[in-house]
Every structure is written in structure tokens, then in C-alpha cells.
């Protein structure tokens, strides 16, 4: 069932609407009866003045994005396997036979879960991305600040340290001490952790009163998720300020940059019908003036 609450508009908002001469989205000049009051269909709140075409095309998205960092290389296979618990459709955008750009799980006609890889927008480690947000006031960590007090922030605004390979059984999670430094060694990268990183792990363990490795693991995962939320929310803010485009509605940075180019230049691209023209572009044999 669709909800469409009647518009709620103040005198000042109505005055702003009447004085508006261009569409807030496509920037076309509003003439005659083409001026429309766009409002939130759930709350009824007035949002902006649009042309009739943009008002009709502006719809509530029917998907919920779920973000993973480096989804393509680490998480996609076991998630897709588990999503096949019923006969509902799973849509996949493949990068190769083994790697996927994105995939979606159909739930109903009005609800789809879309899995997106944030690494395709920000091709750096989460540790580096979090470091770029650090300021003396910690003002860029809005999501993290909702779950931790000010005294915790210096410890939770950086990537944590965890003994991945050491945790090879459920029994490990019941251990009541932090593993020794040598047990943080990774055979995959053939590297251990630095003394500074181990000191950070011990400080986190003591500060938050971890009683088992399982509690430490839960805290580590919580910090990881909140850091990714803050990193991507800051990226979304940058895109909104620069291009007025929301990165959460895209699959990759190239797709976002392509739309930003179209919006910035205001050009309509012609569809290529000639096979030779298509080959010319594929081979890179063209000149940009």
C-alpha cells in the first residue's frame, strides 16, 4: 500500500515556492503550471520546488544498501551462498566468474537488499581512510560518537588489531587473556604486528574491561563497522557538496564520476548505432576537443 500524506507547507515556504523560477533538480525555467510543490509522502513536509517531470521521476528507492569494505575479494561468496535460502531472485553484477561488483536479494516488490563494495569508491585500507578523518575535535566520527563517550574516542577512531589466524576455534573466544604478540602473526602476509600496535590492543582490552577474547572480538567488529560508516558518510557528504549526487545510489566510483560529468556539462550523449564508431571508441582512437 502506498502512503501519500497531504502536504504541510508554511507561509514562508509557500512564499519561497511562489518566488522560485527554476527547478531545483534539472534547473529548467519554470513556466506557467509546470511548477510543483515536492513533499515527503510519509511526513507531508514540503521539500522543494520542481518541474512536473522531475516531481514524477523523483521516487522513494526500493532498495536498502548494505556496505562492505572489499566485499569483492573477501565476503561475497559465502554471503551469496547463504542468500539462496529460498527461491527469491538474486541479481548479480559480475566482474569475472569469481568476483562480483554487486549483488542484490529480492525480498518483495517494494524491498530489495543491495550489497555494495565501498572499496570501489575508496580504494584504500580502512586504516588509512580512518586516519584521514582524524582531527583534534574528532568531528568527523559522528556514528562512532553515538556509541562511545568522549574518553573512548582516541581508542576507537583508528583501526583495531586482531589475531585472525589465532582464532581458529570457538574455544579461543572463551580465553580470558589477550593473546601474546607473536600470536598476531599472519601467515598470509608473512608479517606480525608492531610493538605500538600490540600496546594499542592491550590498552583497548584494559580500557573497555574485556574479560574474554570473544568480548574483545565483538568490540573490534563494532569499531570496524562504525569506522566504515563514518568513512563512507563523509565520502557521501563530499559528493553531495561537490556534485549534489549521493554515492549510496551507485555501484562504483566510475559510475558516480560519469553522472557527475553529465550533470556538470549538461550534455546529452548520442546513442552509438554505427558499429565502426563503437569500435573506434573501444580502441581509443578518438580526439577530445
Protein backbone atom coordinates (compact mmCIF):
# COMPACT_ATOMS: atom_id res chain seq x y z
CA UNK A 1 0.00 0.00 0.00
CA UNK A 2 1.36 3.43 -0.97
CA UNK A 3 1.38 6.28 1.55
CA UNK A 4 0.84 9.87 0.41
CA UNK A 5 0.33 12.24 3.34
CA UNK A 6 -1.11 15.63 2.26
CA UNK A 7 1.47 18.40 2.01
CA UNK A 8 2.22 20.54 5.06
CA UNK A 9 3.63 23.91 3.98
CA UNK A 10 4.21 27.11 5.98
CA UNK A 11 3.60 30.66 4.75
CA UNK A 12 7.35 31.25 4.33
CA UNK A 13 7.74 28.01 2.36
CA UNK A 14 4.79 28.94 0.15
CA UNK A 15 6.35 32.35 -0.48
CA UNK A 16 9.66 30.68 -1.40
CA UNK A 17 7.80 28.35 -3.74
CA UNK A 18 5.98 31.20 -5.47
CA UNK A 19 9.23 33.16 -5.94
CA UNK A 20 11.14 30.17 -7.33
CA UNK A 21 11.78 30.48 -11.08
CA UNK A 22 13.79 27.32 -11.79
CA UNK A 23 13.54 23.60 -10.97
CA UNK A 24 15.76 22.67 -8.04
CA UNK A 25 16.93 19.49 -9.81
CA UNK A 26 17.19 19.98 -13.57
CA UNK A 27 17.49 23.81 -13.33
CA UNK A 28 14.99 24.37 -16.16
CA UNK A 29 12.99 27.61 -16.15
CA UNK A 30 9.55 27.10 -14.62
CA UNK A 31 6.77 28.39 -16.84
CA UNK A 32 3.04 28.56 -16.12
CA UNK A 33 1.58 25.48 -14.46
CA UNK A 34 4.82 23.49 -14.59
CA UNK A 35 5.73 24.50 -11.03
CA UNK A 36 5.13 21.70 -8.48
CA UNK A 37 5.45 21.56 -4.68
CA UNK A 38 7.51 18.46 -3.92
CA UNK A 39 6.80 16.97 -0.49
CA UNK A 40 7.69 13.93 1.60
CA UNK A 41 4.89 11.41 1.12
CA UNK A 42 5.48 9.93 4.60
CA UNK A 43 5.58 13.13 6.70
CA UNK A 44 3.87 15.60 4.35
CA UNK A 45 6.76 18.08 4.81
CA UNK A 46 7.46 20.45 1.90
CA UNK A 47 10.91 19.79 0.41
CA UNK A 48 11.48 21.85 -2.72
CA UNK A 49 10.05 23.34 -5.91
CA UNK A 50 10.34 21.16 -9.00
CA UNK A 51 9.10 20.95 -12.56
CA UNK A 52 6.37 18.37 -13.13
CA UNK A 53 8.75 15.96 -14.90
CA UNK A 54 11.28 15.88 -12.06
CA UNK A 55 8.50 15.56 -9.50
CA UNK A 56 7.20 12.43 -11.23
CA UNK A 57 10.66 10.89 -11.62
CA UNK A 58 11.67 11.56 -8.01
CA UNK A 59 10.68 8.35 -6.24
CA UNK A 60 11.48 6.62 -2.99
CA UNK A 61 14.15 3.96 -3.66
CA UNK A 62 13.02 0.35 -3.37
CA UNK A 63 16.34 -0.98 -2.12
CA UNK A 64 18.31 -0.90 1.12
CA UNK A 65 22.09 -0.67 0.53
CA UNK A 66 24.40 -2.82 2.67
CA UNK A 67 28.03 -1.73 2.58
CA UNK A 68 31.15 -3.87 2.97
CA UNK A 69 34.74 -2.75 2.52
CA UNK A 70 36.47 -5.02 -0.01
CA UNK A 71 33.30 -7.07 -0.49
CA UNK A 72 34.52 -8.29 -3.88
CA UNK A 73 37.62 -10.05 -2.54
CA UNK A 74 36.56 -11.28 0.88
CA UNK A 75 32.87 -11.62 1.69
CA UNK A 76 30.80 -12.10 -1.45
CA UNK A 77 30.89 -15.88 -1.93
CA UNK A 78 29.66 -17.03 1.46
CA UNK A 79 27.02 -14.27 1.57
CA UNK A 80 25.57 -15.21 -1.83
CA UNK A 81 25.52 -18.87 -0.78
CA UNK A 82 23.52 -18.03 2.35
CA UNK A 83 21.16 -15.73 0.40
CA UNK A 84 19.97 -18.76 -1.56
CA UNK A 85 17.85 -19.95 1.37
CA UNK A 86 14.66 -19.60 -0.69
CA UNK A 87 13.52 -19.29 -4.32
CA UNK A 88 13.56 -15.48 -4.44
CA UNK A 89 15.76 -13.87 -7.10
CA UNK A 90 19.41 -12.96 -6.54
CA UNK A 91 20.69 -10.42 -9.07
CA UNK A 92 24.46 -10.31 -9.63
CA UNK A 93 26.69 -7.78 -11.41
CA UNK A 94 29.81 -9.86 -12.14
CA UNK A 95 33.34 -8.59 -12.59
CA UNK A 96 34.56 -12.06 -13.50
CA UNK A 97 33.45 -15.64 -12.94
CA UNK A 98 34.65 -15.48 -9.33
CA UNK A 99 34.29 -11.83 -8.35
CA UNK A 100 31.21 -9.60 -8.22
CA UNK A 101 30.82 -5.83 -8.35
CA UNK A 102 27.50 -6.03 -6.52
CA UNK A 103 24.58 -8.35 -5.88
CA UNK A 104 21.00 -7.90 -4.67
CA UNK A 105 18.46 -10.10 -2.91
CA UNK A 106 14.83 -9.65 -3.93
CA UNK A 107 12.53 -9.65 -0.88
CA UNK A 108 9.30 -8.16 -2.25
CA UNK A 109 8.08 -5.81 -4.98
CA UNK A 110 8.95 -2.83 -2.77
CA UNK A 111 12.03 -4.12 -0.98
CA UNK A 112 15.42 -5.36 -2.20
CA UNK A 113 18.69 -5.68 -0.26
CA UNK A 114 21.63 -4.39 -2.31
CA UNK A 115 25.21 -5.30 -1.33
CA UNK A 116 27.82 -2.70 -2.32
CA UNK A 117 31.62 -2.66 -2.04
CA UNK A 118 32.87 0.66 -0.62
CA UNK A 119 36.39 -0.25 -1.80
CA UNK A 120 35.17 0.51 -5.34
CA UNK A 121 34.73 4.13 -4.25
CA UNK A 122 37.69 4.45 -1.88
CA UNK A 123 40.50 2.11 -2.91
CA UNK A 124 42.48 2.27 0.33
CA UNK A 125 42.61 0.26 3.52
CA UNK A 126 40.08 1.12 6.22
CA UNK A 127 43.01 2.01 8.45
CA UNK A 128 44.24 4.69 6.03
CA UNK A 129 40.75 6.02 5.37
CA UNK A 130 40.05 6.38 9.10
CA UNK A 131 43.37 8.18 9.64
CA UNK A 132 42.34 10.77 7.05
CA UNK A 133 39.30 11.69 9.16
CA UNK A 134 41.18 12.28 12.41
CA UNK A 135 41.03 15.85 13.74
CA UNK A 136 41.73 17.21 17.23
CA UNK A 137 37.97 17.61 17.81
CA UNK A 138 37.10 14.18 16.29
CA UNK A 139 34.24 15.95 14.49
CA UNK A 140 34.22 13.55 11.53
CA UNK A 141 33.24 10.48 13.57
CA UNK A 142 29.53 11.12 14.05
CA UNK A 143 28.41 7.48 14.03
CA UNK A 144 31.20 6.35 16.34
CA UNK A 145 30.40 9.17 18.77
CA UNK A 146 26.84 7.84 19.11
CA UNK A 147 28.15 4.64 20.70
CA UNK A 148 31.21 5.80 22.66
CA UNK A 149 31.87 8.60 25.14
CA UNK A 150 34.50 11.30 24.60
CA UNK A 151 37.08 9.47 26.71
CA UNK A 152 36.85 6.43 24.43
CA UNK A 153 37.29 8.29 21.14
CA UNK A 154 41.12 8.23 20.89
CA UNK A 155 40.98 4.41 21.06
CA UNK A 156 38.05 3.82 18.69
CA UNK A 157 38.85 6.26 15.87
CA UNK A 158 41.57 4.05 14.43
CA UNK A 159 41.63 0.53 13.02
CA UNK A 160 41.89 -2.10 15.70
CA UNK A 161 44.26 -5.05 15.96
CA UNK A 162 43.05 -8.65 16.00
CA UNK A 163 44.72 -12.12 15.91
CA UNK A 164 42.77 -13.51 12.95
CA UNK A 165 44.60 -16.81 12.48
CA UNK A 166 44.90 -17.44 16.20
CA UNK A 167 41.11 -17.53 16.49
CA UNK A 168 40.70 -20.95 14.87
CA UNK A 169 38.01 -22.40 17.17
CA UNK A 170 35.05 -21.34 19.32
CA UNK A 171 37.05 -22.24 22.42
CA UNK A 172 39.57 -19.50 21.64
CA UNK A 173 36.84 -16.89 22.20
CA UNK A 174 36.47 -18.05 25.82
CA UNK A 175 40.11 -17.33 26.67
CA UNK A 176 40.46 -14.73 29.41
CA UNK A 177 43.67 -13.03 28.29
CA UNK A 178 44.83 -11.14 25.23
CA UNK A 179 46.99 -13.39 23.01
CA UNK A 180 50.71 -12.74 23.02
CA UNK A 181 52.23 -10.52 20.36
CA UNK A 182 53.64 -13.44 18.35
CA UNK A 183 50.13 -14.90 18.06
CA UNK A 184 49.07 -11.91 15.94
CA UNK A 185 51.37 -13.15 13.16
CA UNK A 186 49.74 -13.61 9.74
CA UNK A 187 50.98 -16.41 7.50
CA UNK A 188 49.05 -14.85 4.62
CA UNK A 189 51.11 -11.65 4.63
CA UNK A 190 54.07 -13.20 6.48
CA UNK A 191 54.10 -10.27 8.88
CA UNK A 192 53.43 -9.70 12.55
CA UNK A 193 52.30 -6.55 14.32
CA UNK A 194 54.45 -3.72 15.61
CA UNK A 195 55.01 -3.13 19.31
CA UNK A 196 52.95 0.08 19.07
CA UNK A 197 50.01 -1.87 17.65
CA UNK A 198 50.25 -4.50 20.37
CA UNK A 199 50.30 -1.78 23.03
CA UNK A 200 47.15 -0.34 21.45
CA UNK A 201 45.45 -3.75 21.63
CA UNK A 202 46.36 -4.08 25.33
CA UNK A 203 45.11 -0.57 26.05
CA UNK A 204 41.78 -1.30 24.36
CA UNK A 205 41.45 -4.60 26.27
CA UNK A 206 42.08 -2.90 29.62
CA UNK A 207 40.15 0.32 28.95
CA UNK A 208 36.93 -1.46 27.95
CA UNK A 209 37.29 -4.19 30.56
CA UNK A 210 37.33 -7.12 28.15
CA UNK A 211 37.04 -10.39 30.05
CA UNK A 212 37.36 -12.81 27.12
CA UNK A 213 38.73 -12.81 23.60
CA UNK A 214 35.11 -13.08 22.44
CA UNK A 215 34.28 -9.75 24.11
CA UNK A 216 37.35 -8.21 22.52
CA UNK A 217 36.28 -9.64 19.14
CA UNK A 218 32.80 -8.10 19.48
CA UNK A 219 34.34 -4.72 20.33
CA UNK A 220 36.78 -4.98 17.41
CA UNK A 221 33.94 -5.68 14.96
CA UNK A 222 31.81 -2.88 16.39
CA UNK A 223 34.62 -0.36 15.95
CA UNK A 224 35.28 -1.62 12.41
CA UNK A 225 31.66 -1.20 11.35
CA UNK A 226 31.36 2.27 12.89
CA UNK A 227 34.61 3.41 11.26
CA UNK A 228 33.36 2.28 7.85
CA UNK A 229 30.06 4.07 8.46
CA UNK A 230 31.86 7.31 9.28
CA UNK A 231 34.27 6.99 6.36
CA UNK A 232 31.53 6.39 3.81
CA UNK A 233 29.21 9.03 5.30
CA UNK A 234 32.00 11.58 4.95
CA UNK A 235 32.52 10.46 1.35
CA UNK A 236 28.78 10.88 0.70
CA UNK A 237 28.91 14.38 2.19
CA UNK A 238 31.79 15.35 -0.11
CA UNK A 239 29.89 14.06 -3.16
CA UNK A 240 26.72 15.89 -2.14
CA UNK A 241 28.57 19.18 -1.65
CA UNK A 242 30.56 18.90 -4.87
CA UNK A 243 28.05 17.29 -7.26
CA UNK A 244 24.74 17.03 -5.36
CA UNK A 245 24.86 13.28 -6.06
CA UNK A 246 24.52 10.54 -3.43
CA UNK A 247 27.21 7.86 -3.69
CA UNK A 248 24.93 5.36 -1.92
CA UNK A 249 22.88 5.12 -5.13
CA UNK A 250 25.87 3.97 -7.21
CA UNK A 251 27.88 0.77 -7.54
CA UNK A 252 31.35 2.18 -8.33
CA UNK A 253 33.29 5.44 -8.47
CA UNK A 254 33.39 5.40 -12.33
CA UNK A 255 29.58 5.32 -12.44
CA UNK A 256 29.40 8.21 -9.99
CA UNK A 257 32.01 10.26 -11.88
CA UNK A 258 30.23 9.60 -15.20
CA UNK A 259 26.97 11.03 -13.84
CA UNK A 260 28.87 13.94 -12.29
CA UNK A 261 30.34 14.69 -15.73
CA UNK A 262 26.92 14.59 -17.39
CA UNK A 263 25.46 16.86 -14.72
CA UNK A 264 28.37 19.30 -14.82
CA UNK A 265 28.50 19.61 -18.62
CA UNK A 266 24.75 19.40 -19.21
CA UNK A 267 25.37 17.43 -22.40
CA UNK A 268 23.13 14.73 -23.85
CA UNK A 269 25.15 11.81 -25.22
CA UNK A 270 24.08 10.27 -28.50
CA UNK A 271 23.50 6.54 -28.63
CA UNK A 272 26.03 4.88 -30.94
CA UNK A 273 24.33 2.86 -33.69
CA UNK A 274 27.24 2.54 -36.12
CA UNK A 275 29.45 -0.50 -35.48
CA UNK A 276 32.61 1.25 -36.76
CA UNK A 277 32.04 4.17 -34.40
CA UNK A 278 31.71 1.76 -31.49
CA UNK A 279 34.97 0.03 -32.43
CA UNK A 280 36.70 3.39 -32.69
CA UNK A 281 35.77 4.25 -29.11
CA UNK A 282 36.70 0.78 -27.84
CA UNK A 283 40.12 1.09 -29.45
CA UNK A 284 40.62 4.57 -28.02
CA UNK A 285 41.07 6.10 -31.48
CA UNK A 286 39.41 9.44 -30.90
CA UNK A 287 40.32 13.01 -30.07
CA UNK A 288 38.69 15.08 -27.32
CA UNK A 289 38.33 18.75 -28.20
